[in-house]
Amino acid sequence: MNNVISDLQHLALLEGDLLIARANVRLGIGTERSSPTELTDAEEDIFSAIYRLHYGLASGRYADTRCTALLETVVNLGRSTESALFEFAAKSAKFDFRADHYSVCAFFNPT
């Protein structure tokens, strides 16, 4: 039961983070780009929330059926906020989880 409560709390936190990021974008807060190749503060906040969501999914969190409705809400919110960033964050989180879990890196292999 504690895992379910923890998962629901984490999903609610992610939902709140995405709602705050969306509000900041709507108000023009954190949307200034310091470099053409860098994310804005708002984009970083969106990326971070989506990344944490997908890292949790990759590690097996949110598997309880009581998490399904809130999980779908957060996923839809992330997709509708910034779909390209959503896909990039999801792929990054899955890659990082595999690297952390299996202790391997695609760029450096000492063997």
PDB file of N, CA and C in Angstrom:
ATOM      1  N   MET A   1       0.817  -1.201   0.000  1.00  0.00           N
ATOM      2  CA  MET A   1       0.000   0.000   0.000  1.00  0.00           C
ATOM      3  C   MET A   1       0.862   1.267   0.000  1.00  0.00           C
ATOM      4  N   ASN A   2       1.990   1.218   0.712  1.00  0.00           N
ATOM      5  CA  ASN A   2       2.852   2.402   0.753  1.00  0.00           C
ATOM      6  C   ASN A   2       3.402   2.745  -0.617  1.00  0.00           C
ATOM      7  N   ASN A   3       3.712   1.722  -1.434  1.00  0.00           N
ATOM      8  CA  ASN A   3       4.213   1.983  -2.780  1.00  0.00           C
ATOM      9  C   ASN A   3       3.157   2.673  -3.629  1.00  0.00           C
ATOM     10  N   VAL A   4       1.902   2.256  -3.482  1.00  0.00           N
ATOM     11  CA  VAL A   4       0.825   2.877  -4.249  1.00  0.00           C
ATOM     12  C   VAL A   4       0.659   4.332  -3.832  1.00  0.00           C
ATOM     13  N   ILE A   5       0.691   4.596  -2.553  1.00  0.00           N
ATOM     14  CA  ILE A   5       0.561   5.972  -2.066  1.00  0.00           C
ATOM     15  C   ILE A   5       1.736   6.811  -2.553  1.00  0.00           C
ATOM     16  N   SER A   6       2.933   6.255  -2.482  1.00  0.00           N
ATOM     17  CA  SER A   6       4.121   6.961  -2.964  1.00  0.00           C
ATOM     18  C   SER A   6       4.006   7.254  -4.458  1.00  0.00           C
ATOM     19  N   ASP A   7       3.550   6.266  -5.223  1.00  0.00           N
ATOM     20  CA  ASP A   7       3.392   6.462  -6.665  1.00  0.00           C
ATOM     21  C   ASP A   7       2.345   7.525  -6.975  1.00  0.00           C
ATOM     22  N   LEU A   8       1.228   7.503  -6.262  1.00  0.00           N
ATOM     23  CA  LEU A   8       0.183   8.511  -6.476  1.00  0.00           C
ATOM     24  C   LEU A   8       0.681   9.909  -6.108  1.00  0.00           C
ATOM     25  N   GLN A   9       1.441   9.996  -5.019  1.00  0.00           N
ATOM     26  CA  GLN A   9       2.016  11.289  -4.634  1.00  0.00           C
ATOM     27  C   GLN A   9       2.979  11.797  -5.699  1.00  0.00           C
ATOM     28  N   HIS A  10       3.795  10.895  -6.226  1.00  0.00           N
ATOM     29  CA  HIS A  10       4.760  11.289  -7.253  1.00  0.00           C
ATOM     30  C   HIS A  10       4.051  11.746  -8.525  1.00  0.00           C
ATOM     31  N   LEU A  11       3.007  11.023  -8.927  1.00  0.00           N
ATOM     32  CA  LEU A  11       2.248  11.430 -10.106  1.00  0.00           C
ATOM     33  C   LEU A  11       1.581  12.784  -9.900  1.00  0.00           C
ATOM     34  N   ALA A  12       1.048  13.009  -8.714  1.00  0.00           N
ATOM     35  CA  ALA A  12       0.415  14.305  -8.421  1.00  0.00           C
ATOM     36  C   ALA A  12       1.447  15.431  -8.461  1.00  0.00           C
ATOM     37  N   LEU A  13       2.643  15.155  -7.969  1.00  0.00           N
ATOM     38  CA  LEU A  13       3.727  16.141  -8.022  1.00  0.00           C
ATOM     39  C   LEU A  13       4.097  16.457  -9.466  1.00  0.00           C
ATOM     40  N   LEU A  14       4.198  15.425 -10.302  1.00  0.00           N
ATOM     41  CA  LEU A  14       4.520  15.637 -11.713  1.00  0.00           C
ATOM     42  C   LEU A  14       3.419  16.427 -12.411  1.00  0.00           C
ATOM     43  N   GLU A  15       2.170  16.117 -12.092  1.00  0.00           N
ATOM     44  CA  GLU A  15       1.054  16.859 -12.676  1.00  0.00           C
ATOM     45  C   GLU A  15       1.150  18.336 -12.291  1.00  0.00           C
ATOM     46  N   GLY A  16       1.430  18.601 -11.033  1.00  0.00           N
ATOM     47  CA  GLY A  16       1.585  19.982 -10.578  1.00  0.00           C
ATOM     48  C   GLY A  16       2.734  20.689 -11.259  1.00  0.00           C
ATOM     49  N   ASP A  17       3.861  19.999 -11.415  1.00  0.00           N
ATOM     50  CA  ASP A  17       5.019  20.592 -12.094  1.00  0.00           C
ATOM     51  C   ASP A  17       4.685  20.960 -13.543  1.00  0.00           C
ATOM     52  N   LEU A  18       3.963  20.065 -14.228  1.00  0.00           N
ATOM     53  CA  LEU A  18       3.587  20.356 -15.617  1.00  0.00           C
ATOM     54  C   LEU A  18       2.592  21.509 -15.695  1.00  0.00           C
ATOM     55  N   LEU A  19       1.656  21.566 -14.766  1.00  0.00           N
ATOM     56  CA  LEU A  19       0.681  22.672 -14.770  1.00  0.00           C
ATOM     57  C   LEU A  19       1.370  24.011 -14.505  1.00  0.00           C
ATOM     58  N   ILE A  20       2.333  24.014 -13.605  1.00  0.00           N
ATOM     59  CA  ILE A  20       3.086  25.248 -13.317  1.00  0.00           C
ATOM     60  C   ILE A  20       3.888  25.664 -14.546  1.00  0.00           C
ATOM     61  N   ALA A  21       4.540  24.694 -15.191  1.00  0.00           N
ATOM     62  CA  ALA A  21       5.331  25.006 -16.392  1.00  0.00           C
ATOM     63  C   ALA A  21       4.436  25.568 -17.496  1.00  0.00           C
ATOM     64  N   ARG A  22       3.265  24.973 -17.685  1.00  0.00           N
ATOM     65  CA  ARG A  22       2.330  25.482 -18.701  1.00  0.00           C
ATOM     66  C   ARG A  22       1.884  26.899 -18.380  1.00  0.00           C
ATOM     67  N   ALA A  23       1.608  27.163 -17.114  1.00  0.00           N
ATOM     68  CA  ALA A  23       1.195  28.508 -16.704  1.00  0.00           C
ATOM     69  C   ALA A  23       2.324  29.504 -16.941  1.00  0.00           C
ATOM     70  N   ASN A  24       3.553  29.113 -16.643  1.00  0.00           N
ATOM     71  CA  ASN A  24       4.692  30.003 -16.873  1.00  0.00           C
ATOM     72  C   ASN A  24       4.852  30.329 -18.350  1.00  0.00           C
ATOM     73  N   VAL A  25       4.672  29.331 -19.205  1.00  0.00           N
ATOM     74  CA  VAL A  25       4.758  29.574 -20.649  1.00  0.00           C
ATOM     75  C   VAL A  25       3.658  30.535 -21.079  1.00  0.00           C
ATOM     76  N   ARG A  26       2.451  30.313 -20.582  1.00  0.00           N
ATOM     77  CA  ARG A  26       1.323  31.181 -20.938  1.00  0.00           C
ATOM     78  C   ARG A  26       1.559  32.624 -20.489  1.00  0.00           C
ATOM     79  N   LEU A  27       2.255  32.794 -19.348  1.00  0.00           N
ATOM     80  CA  LEU A  27       2.545  34.130 -18.836  1.00  0.00           C
ATOM     81  C   LEU A  27       3.857  34.702 -19.366  1.00  0.00           C
ATOM     82  N   GLY A  28       4.598  33.908 -20.129  1.00  0.00           N
ATOM     83  CA  GLY A  28       5.865  34.377 -20.685  1.00  0.00           C
ATOM     84  C   GLY A  28       7.008  34.335 -19.693  1.00  0.00           C
ATOM     85  N   ILE A  29       6.863  33.562 -18.642  1.00  0.00           N
ATOM     86  CA  ILE A  29       7.904  33.444 -17.620  1.00  0.00           C
ATOM     87  C   ILE A  29       8.830  32.291 -17.986  1.00  0.00           C
ATOM     88  N   GLY A  30      10.120  32.546 -18.002  1.00  0.00           N
ATOM     89  CA  GLY A  30      11.099  31.498 -18.283  1.00  0.00           C
ATOM     90  C   GLY A  30      11.134  31.066 -19.733  1.00  0.00           C
ATOM     91  N   THR A  31      10.692  31.926 -20.622  1.00  0.00           N
ATOM     92  CA  THR A  31      10.657  31.562 -22.043  1.00  0.00           C
ATOM     93  C   THR A  31      11.778  32.209 -22.846  1.00  0.00           C
ATOM     94  N   GLU A  32      12.658  32.945 -22.156  1.00  0.00           N
ATOM     95  CA  GLU A  32      13.770  33.585 -22.846  1.00  0.00           C
ATOM     96  C   GLU A  32      14.850  32.548 -23.095  1.00  0.00           C
ATOM     97  N   ARG A  33      15.380  32.538 -24.296  1.00  0.00           N
ATOM     98  CA  ARG A  33      16.419  31.580 -24.674  1.00  0.00           C
ATOM     99  C   ARG A  33      17.774  32.280 -24.606  1.00  0.00           C
ATOM    100  N   SER A  34      18.686  31.750 -23.763  1.00  0.00           N
ATOM    101  CA  SER A  34      20.004  32.369 -23.628  1.00  0.00           C
ATOM    102  C   SER A  34      20.929  31.985 -24.785  1.00  0.00           C
ATOM    103  N   SER A  35      20.623  30.877 -25.428  1.00  0.00           N
ATOM    104  CA  SER A  35      21.402  30.408 -26.562  1.00  0.00           C
ATOM    105  C   SER A  35      20.463  29.627 -27.472  1.00  0.00           C
ATOM    106  N   PRO A  36      20.658  29.704 -28.774  1.00  0.00           N
ATOM    107  CA  PRO A  36      19.762  28.987 -29.681  1.00  0.00           C
ATOM    108  C   PRO A  36      19.770  27.474 -29.494  1.00  0.00           C
ATOM    109  N   THR A  37      20.828  26.943 -28.889  1.00  0.00           N
ATOM    110  CA  THR A  37      20.934  25.492 -28.722  1.00  0.00           C
ATOM    111  C   THR A  37      20.490  25.006 -27.345  1.00  0.00           C
ATOM    112  N   GLU A  38      20.133  25.928 -26.457  1.00  0.00           N
ATOM    113  CA  GLU A  38      19.739  25.549 -25.100  1.00  0.00           C
ATOM    114  C   GLU A  38      18.236  25.635 -24.920  1.00  0.00           C
ATOM    115  N   LEU A  39      17.735  24.839 -23.979  1.00  0.00           N
ATOM    116  CA  LEU A  39      16.321  24.902 -23.619  1.00  0.00           C
ATOM    117  C   LEU A  39      16.064  26.137 -22.769  1.00  0.00           C
ATOM    118  N   THR A  40      14.867  26.673 -22.871  1.00  0.00           N
ATOM    119  CA  THR A  40      14.479  27.756 -21.971  1.00  0.00           C
ATOM    120  C   THR A  40      14.226  27.148 -20.588  1.00  0.00           C
ATOM    121  N   ASP A  41      14.085  27.987 -19.572  1.00  0.00           N
ATOM    122  CA  ASP A  41      13.791  27.495 -18.230  1.00  0.00           C
ATOM    123  C   ASP A  41      12.475  26.712 -18.216  1.00  0.00           C
ATOM    124  N   ALA A  42      11.480  27.213 -18.928  1.00  0.00           N
ATOM    125  CA  ALA A  42      10.185  26.536 -18.979  1.00  0.00           C
ATOM    126  C   ALA A  42      10.315  25.182 -19.664  1.00  0.00           C
ATOM    127  N   GLU A  43      11.076  25.116 -20.746  1.00  0.00           N
ATOM    128  CA  GLU A  43      11.288  23.847 -21.441  1.00  0.00           C
ATOM    129  C   GLU A  43      12.040  22.852 -20.555  1.00  0.00           C
ATOM    130  N   GLU A  44      12.993  23.346 -19.784  1.00  0.00           N
ATOM    131  CA  GLU A  44      13.725  22.476 -18.861  1.00  0.00           C
ATOM    132  C   GLU A  44      12.796  21.909 -17.797  1.00  0.00           C
ATOM    133  N   ASP A  45      11.876  22.740 -17.295  1.00  0.00           N
ATOM    134  CA  ASP A  45      10.908  22.263 -16.304  1.00  0.00           C
ATOM    135  C   ASP A  45      10.002  21.183 -16.891  1.00  0.00           C
ATOM    136  N   ILE A  46       9.560  21.392 -18.119  1.00  0.00           N
ATOM    137  CA  ILE A  46       8.712  20.407 -18.800  1.00  0.00           C
ATOM    138  C   ILE A  46       9.507  19.125 -19.035  1.00  0.00           C
ATOM    139  N   PHE A  47      10.717  19.260 -19.551  1.00  0.00           N
ATOM    140  CA  PHE A  47      11.571  18.099 -19.794  1.00  0.00           C
ATOM    141  C   PHE A  47      11.786  17.321 -18.502  1.00  0.00           C
ATOM    142  N   SER A  48      12.085  18.018 -17.416  1.00  0.00           N
ATOM    143  CA  SER A  48      12.366  17.369 -16.143  1.00  0.00           C
ATOM    144  C   SER A  48      11.179  16.544 -15.655  1.00  0.00           C
ATOM    145  N   ALA A  49       9.991  17.105 -15.720  1.00  0.00           N
ATOM    146  CA  ALA A  49       8.806  16.386 -15.256  1.00  0.00           C
ATOM    147  C   ALA A  49       8.545  15.144 -16.118  1.00  0.00           C
ATOM    148  N   ILE A  50       8.655  15.289 -17.420  1.00  0.00           N
ATOM    149  CA  ILE A  50       8.407  14.155 -18.325  1.00  0.00           C
ATOM    150  C   ILE A  50       9.501  13.102 -18.164  1.00  0.00           C
ATOM    151  N   TYR A  51      10.724  13.550 -17.992  1.00  0.00           N
ATOM    152  CA  TYR A  51      11.843  12.629 -17.782  1.00  0.00           C
ATOM    153  C   TYR A  51      11.608  11.808 -16.514  1.00  0.00           C
ATOM    154  N   ARG A  52      11.254  12.460 -15.408  1.00  0.00           N
ATOM    155  CA  ARG A  52      11.012  11.756 -14.145  1.00  0.00           C
ATOM    156  C   ARG A  52       9.848  10.771 -14.286  1.00  0.00           C
ATOM    157  N   LEU A  53       8.823  11.157 -15.037  1.00  0.00           N
ATOM    158  CA  LEU A  53       7.692  10.260 -15.274  1.00  0.00           C
ATOM    159  C   LEU A  53       8.160   8.997 -15.984  1.00  0.00           C
ATOM    160  N   HIS A  54       8.894   9.152 -17.056  1.00  0.00           N
ATOM    161  CA  HIS A  54       9.318   7.999 -17.848  1.00  0.00           C
ATOM    162  C   HIS A  54      10.415   7.189 -17.173  1.00  0.00           C
ATOM    163  N   TYR A  55      11.234   7.811 -16.370  1.00  0.00           N
ATOM    164  CA  TYR A  55      12.213   7.043 -15.599  1.00  0.00           C
ATOM    165  C   TYR A  55      11.473   6.156 -14.602  1.00  0.00           C
ATOM    166  N   GLY A  56      10.443   6.711 -13.977  1.00  0.00           N
ATOM    167  CA  GLY A  56       9.617   5.914 -13.063  1.00  0.00           C
ATOM    168  C   GLY A  56       8.920   4.779 -13.776  1.00  0.00           C
ATOM    169  N   LEU A  57       8.393   5.033 -14.951  1.00  0.00           N
ATOM    170  CA  LEU A  57       7.745   3.976 -15.736  1.00  0.00           C
ATOM    171  C   LEU A  57       8.744   2.873 -16.090  1.00  0.00           C
ATOM    172  N   ALA A  58       9.939   3.262 -16.500  1.00  0.00           N
ATOM    173  CA  ALA A  58      10.958   2.281 -16.876  1.00  0.00           C
ATOM    174  C   ALA A  58      11.371   1.421 -15.680  1.00  0.00           C
ATOM    175  N   SER A  59      11.317   2.003 -14.488  1.00  0.00           N
ATOM    176  CA  SER A  59      11.725   1.260 -13.293  1.00  0.00           C
ATOM    177  C   SER A  59      10.585   0.457 -12.680  1.00  0.00           C
ATOM    178  N   GLY A  60       9.402   0.512 -13.293  1.00  0.00           N
ATOM    179  CA  GLY A  60       8.286  -0.299 -12.820  1.00  0.00           C
ATOM    180  C   GLY A  60       7.328   0.391 -11.875  1.00  0.00           C
ATOM    181  N   ARG A  61       7.484   1.683 -11.700  1.00  0.00           N
ATOM    182  CA  ARG A  61       6.543   2.415 -10.848  1.00  0.00           C
ATOM    183  C   ARG A  61       5.204   2.574 -11.558  1.00  0.00           C
ATOM    184  N   TYR A  62       4.184   2.922 -10.809  1.00  0.00           N
ATOM    185  CA  TYR A  62       2.836   3.234 -11.293  1.00  0.00           C
ATOM    186  C   TYR A  62       2.128   2.023 -11.887  1.00  0.00           C
ATOM    187  N   ALA A  63       2.552   0.810 -11.545  1.00  0.00           N
ATOM    188  CA  ALA A  63       1.971  -0.398 -12.136  1.00  0.00           C
ATOM    189  C   ALA A  63       0.612  -0.737 -11.538  1.00  0.00           C
ATOM    190  N   ASP A  64       0.316  -0.257 -10.335  1.00  0.00           N
ATOM    191  CA  ASP A  64      -0.960  -0.561  -9.698  1.00  0.00           C
ATOM    192  C   ASP A  64      -2.104   0.091 -10.471  1.00  0.00           C
ATOM    193  N   THR A  65      -3.194  -0.613 -10.589  1.00  0.00           N
ATOM    194  CA  THR A  65      -4.337  -0.097 -11.363  1.00  0.00           C
ATOM    195  C   THR A  65      -4.909   1.187 -10.765  1.00  0.00           C
ATOM    196  N   ARG A  66      -4.667   1.427  -9.488  1.00  0.00           N
ATOM    197  CA  ARG A  66      -5.154   2.664  -8.858  1.00  0.00           C
ATOM    198  C   ARG A  66      -4.397   3.889  -9.359  1.00  0.00           C
ATOM    199  N   CYS A  67      -3.288   3.680 -10.028  1.00  0.00           N
ATOM    200  CA  CYS A  67      -2.494   4.781 -10.582  1.00  0.00           C
ATOM    201  C   CYS A  67      -2.889   5.114 -12.022  1.00  0.00           C
ATOM    202  N   THR A  68      -3.661   4.263 -12.654  1.00  0.00           N
ATOM    203  CA  THR A  68      -3.920   4.369 -14.091  1.00  0.00           C
ATOM    204  C   THR A  68      -4.518   5.709 -14.502  1.00  0.00           C
ATOM    205  N   ALA A  69      -5.567   6.144 -13.826  1.00  0.00           N
ATOM    206  CA  ALA A  69      -6.247   7.384 -14.231  1.00  0.00           C
ATOM    207  C   ALA A  69      -5.314   8.588 -14.117  1.00  0.00           C
ATOM    208  N   LEU A  70      -4.604   8.700 -12.998  1.00  0.00           N
ATOM    209  CA  LEU A  70      -3.699   9.836 -12.817  1.00  0.00           C
ATOM    210  C   LEU A  70      -2.513   9.740 -13.767  1.00  0.00           C
ATOM    211  N   LEU A  71      -2.028   8.538 -14.011  1.00  0.00           N
ATOM    212  CA  LEU A  71      -0.945   8.345 -14.967  1.00  0.00           C
ATOM    213  C   LEU A  71      -1.356   8.816 -16.356  1.00  0.00           C
ATOM    214  N   GLU A  72      -2.546   8.441 -16.798  1.00  0.00           N
ATOM    215  CA  GLU A  72      -3.039   8.876 -18.111  1.00  0.00           C
ATOM    216  C   GLU A  72      -3.184  10.390 -18.168  1.00  0.00           C
ATOM    217  N   THR A  73      -3.636  10.988 -17.079  1.00  0.00           N
ATOM    218  CA  THR A  73      -3.765  12.447 -17.024  1.00  0.00           C
ATOM    219  C   THR A  73      -2.405  13.116 -17.198  1.00  0.00           C
ATOM    220  N   VAL A  74      -1.402  12.623 -16.484  1.00  0.00           N
ATOM    221  CA  VAL A  74      -0.062  13.224 -16.558  1.00  0.00           C
ATOM    222  C   VAL A  74       0.542  13.020 -17.943  1.00  0.00           C
ATOM    223  N   VAL A  75       0.393  11.835 -18.516  1.00  0.00           N
ATOM    224  CA  VAL A  75       0.928  11.574 -19.859  1.00  0.00           C
ATOM    225  C   VAL A  75       0.269  12.498 -20.878  1.00  0.00           C
ATOM    226  N   ASN A  76      -1.048  12.608 -20.830  1.00  0.00           N
ATOM    227  CA  ASN A  76      -1.758  13.493 -21.770  1.00  0.00           C
ATOM    228  C   ASN A  76      -1.372  14.948 -21.574  1.00  0.00           C
ATOM    229  N   LEU A  77      -1.187  15.352 -20.331  1.00  0.00           N
ATOM    230  CA  LEU A  77      -0.771  16.722 -20.045  1.00  0.00           C
ATOM    231  C   LEU A  77       0.623  16.984 -20.611  1.00  0.00           C
ATOM    232  N   GLY A  78       1.524  16.029 -20.443  1.00  0.00           N
ATOM    233  CA  GLY A  78       2.880  16.179 -20.977  1.00  0.00           C
ATOM    234  C   GLY A  78       2.893  16.241 -22.487  1.00  0.00           C
ATOM    235  N   ARG A  79       2.117  15.365 -23.118  1.00  0.00           N
ATOM    236  CA  ARG A  79       2.056  15.357 -24.588  1.00  0.00           C
ATOM    237  C   ARG A  79       1.459  16.650 -25.128  1.00  0.00           C
ATOM    238  N   SER A  80       0.409  17.125 -24.485  1.00  0.00           N
ATOM    239  CA  SER A  80      -0.251  18.331 -24.986  1.00  0.00           C
ATOM    240  C   SER A  80       0.544  19.598 -24.675  1.00  0.00           C
ATOM    241  N   THR A  81       1.427  19.524 -23.712  1.00  0.00           N
ATOM    242  CA  THR A  81       2.235  20.692 -23.366  1.00  0.00           C
ATOM    243  C   THR A  81       3.310  20.935 -24.409  1.00  0.00           C
ATOM    244  N   GLU A  82       4.051  19.893 -24.755  1.00  0.00           N
ATOM    245  CA  GLU A  82       5.157  20.022 -25.720  1.00  0.00           C
ATOM    246  C   GLU A  82       5.471  18.632 -26.258  1.00  0.00           C
ATOM    247  N   SER A  83       4.843  18.270 -27.351  1.00  0.00           N
ATOM    248  CA  SER A  83       4.933  16.885 -27.832  1.00  0.00           C
ATOM    249  C   SER A  83       6.351  16.468 -28.232  1.00  0.00           C
ATOM    250  N   ALA A  84       7.100  17.316 -28.892  1.00  0.00           N
ATOM    251  CA  ALA A  84       8.464  16.950 -29.300  1.00  0.00           C
ATOM    252  C   ALA A  84       9.362  16.771 -28.078  1.00  0.00           C
ATOM    253  N   LEU A  85       9.225  17.657 -27.112  1.00  0.00           N
ATOM    254  CA  LEU A  85       9.999  17.561 -25.875  1.00  0.00           C
ATOM    255  C   LEU A  85       9.585  16.324 -25.089  1.00  0.00           C
ATOM    256  N   PHE A  86       8.301  15.975 -25.147  1.00  0.00           N
ATOM    257  CA  PHE A  86       7.787  14.783 -24.488  1.00  0.00           C
ATOM    258  C   PHE A  86       8.496  13.539 -25.027  1.00  0.00           C
ATOM    259  N   GLU A  87       8.579  13.409 -26.324  1.00  0.00           N
ATOM    260  CA  GLU A  87       9.218  12.246 -26.936  1.00  0.00           C
ATOM    261  C   GLU A  87      10.709  12.193 -26.616  1.00  0.00           C
ATOM    262  N   PHE A  88      11.379  13.345 -26.657  1.00  0.00           N
ATOM    263  CA  PHE A  88      12.805  13.395 -26.362  1.00  0.00           C
ATOM    264  C   PHE A  88      13.080  13.009 -24.911  1.00  0.00           C
ATOM    265  N   ALA A  89      12.283  13.535 -23.983  1.00  0.00           N
ATOM    266  CA  ALA A  89      12.458  13.233 -22.561  1.00  0.00           C
ATOM    267  C   ALA A  89      12.187  11.758 -22.291  1.00  0.00           C
ATOM    268  N   ALA A  90      11.179  11.209 -22.941  1.00  0.00           N
ATOM    269  CA  ALA A  90      10.840   9.794 -22.749  1.00  0.00           C
ATOM    270  C   ALA A  90      11.994   8.904 -23.206  1.00  0.00           C
ATOM    271  N   LYS A  91      12.547   9.190 -24.370  1.00  0.00           N
ATOM    272  CA  LYS A  91      13.669   8.388 -24.882  1.00  0.00           C
ATOM    273  C   LYS A  91      14.899   8.539 -23.999  1.00  0.00           C
ATOM    274  N   SER A  92      15.161   9.753 -23.532  1.00  0.00           N
ATOM    275  CA  SER A  92      16.318   9.996 -22.667  1.00  0.00           C
ATOM    276  C   SER A  92      16.193   9.232 -21.358  1.00  0.00           C
ATOM    277  N   ALA A  93      15.022   9.255 -20.771  1.00  0.00           N
ATOM    278  CA  ALA A  93      14.805   8.565 -19.492  1.00  0.00           C
ATOM    279  C   ALA A  93      14.964   7.058 -19.647  1.00  0.00           C
ATOM    280  N   LYS A  94      14.420   6.509 -20.720  1.00  0.00           N
ATOM    281  CA  LYS A  94      14.539   5.063 -20.944  1.00  0.00           C
ATOM    282  C   LYS A  94      15.998   4.675 -21.159  1.00  0.00           C
ATOM    283  N   PHE A  95      16.730   5.463 -21.921  1.00  0.00           N
ATOM    284  CA  PHE A  95      18.145   5.191 -22.156  1.00  0.00           C
ATOM    285  C   PHE A  95      18.921   5.266 -20.842  1.00  0.00           C
ATOM    286  N   ASP A  96      18.690   6.331 -20.060  1.00  0.00           N
ATOM    287  CA  ASP A  96      19.405   6.509 -18.797  1.00  0.00           C
ATOM    288  C   ASP A  96      19.067   5.408 -17.805  1.00  0.00           C
ATOM    289  N   PHE A  97      17.801   4.979 -17.779  1.00  0.00           N
ATOM    290  CA  PHE A  97      17.432   3.892 -16.872  1.00  0.00           C
ATOM    291  C   PHE A  97      18.195   2.619 -17.225  1.00  0.00           C
ATOM    292  N   ARG A  98      18.233   2.299 -18.507  1.00  0.00           N
ATOM    293  CA  ARG A  98      18.960   1.095 -18.920  1.00  0.00           C
ATOM    294  C   ARG A  98      20.444   1.221 -18.563  1.00  0.00           C
ATOM    295  N   ALA A  99      21.016   2.376 -18.782  1.00  0.00           N
ATOM    296  CA  ALA A  99      22.430   2.586 -18.453  1.00  0.00           C
ATOM    297  C   ALA A  99      22.654   2.453 -16.948  1.00  0.00           C
ATOM    298  N   ASP A 100      21.771   3.036 -16.137  1.00  0.00           N
ATOM    299  CA  ASP A 100      21.896   2.931 -14.682  1.00  0.00           C
ATOM    300  C   ASP A 100      21.669   1.491 -14.214  1.00  0.00           C
ATOM    301  N   HIS A 101      20.658   0.865 -14.776  1.00  0.00           N
ATOM    302  CA  HIS A 101      20.276  -0.472 -14.343  1.00  0.00           C
ATOM    303  C   HIS A 101      21.312  -1.524 -14.732  1.00  0.00           C
ATOM    304  N   TYR A 102      21.835  -1.414 -15.913  1.00  0.00           N
ATOM    305  CA  TYR A 102      22.786  -2.417 -16.392  1.00  0.00           C
ATOM    306  C   TYR A 102      24.240  -1.947 -16.290  1.00  0.00           C
ATOM    307  N   SER A 103      24.449  -0.739 -15.776  1.00  0.00           N
ATOM    308  CA  SER A 103      25.786  -0.166 -15.603  1.00  0.00           C
ATOM    309  C   SER A 103      26.595  -0.200 -16.887  1.00  0.00           C
ATOM    310  N   VAL A 104      25.942   0.190 -17.954  1.00  0.00           N
ATOM    311  CA  VAL A 104      26.645   0.272 -19.240  1.00  0.00           C
ATOM    312  C   VAL A 104      26.411   1.629 -19.862  1.00  0.00           C
ATOM    313  N   CYS A 105      27.332   1.990 -20.703  1.00  0.00           N
ATOM    314  CA  CYS A 105      27.196   3.243 -21.430  1.00  0.00           C
ATOM    315  C   CYS A 105      27.527   2.951 -22.888  1.00  0.00           C
ATOM    316  N   ALA A 106      26.722   3.479 -23.766  1.00  0.00           N
ATOM    317  CA  ALA A 106      26.915   3.229 -25.187  1.00  0.00           C
ATOM    318  C   ALA A 106      28.186   3.893 -25.710  1.00  0.00           C
ATOM    319  N   PHE A 107      28.697   4.895 -25.014  1.00  0.00           N
ATOM    320  CA  PHE A 107      29.844   5.650 -25.509  1.00  0.00           C
ATOM    321  C   PHE A 107      31.164   5.198 -24.902  1.00  0.00           C
ATOM    322  N   PHE A 108      31.090   4.479 -23.788  1.00  0.00           N
ATOM    323  CA  PHE A 108      32.317   4.051 -23.113  1.00  0.00           C
ATOM    324  C   PHE A 108      32.115   2.647 -22.575  1.00  0.00           C
ATOM    325  N   ASN A 109      32.919   1.734 -23.059  1.00  0.00           N
ATOM    326  CA  ASN A 109      32.872   0.366 -22.582  1.00  0.00           C
ATOM    327  C   ASN A 109      34.297  -0.082 -22.350  1.00  0.00           C
ATOM    328  N   PRO A 110      34.716  -0.207 -21.070  1.00  0.00           N
ATOM    329  CA  PRO A 110      36.125  -0.478 -20.763  1.00  0.00           C
ATOM    330  C   PRO A 110      36.621  -1.857 -21.177  1.00  0.00           C
ATOM    331  N   THR A 111      35.753  -2.736 -21.624  1.00  0.00           N
ATOM    332  CA  THR A 111      36.227  -4.072 -22.014  1.00  0.00           C
ATOM    333  C   THR A 111      36.707  -4.125 -23.436  1.00  0.00           C
TER     334      THR A 111
END
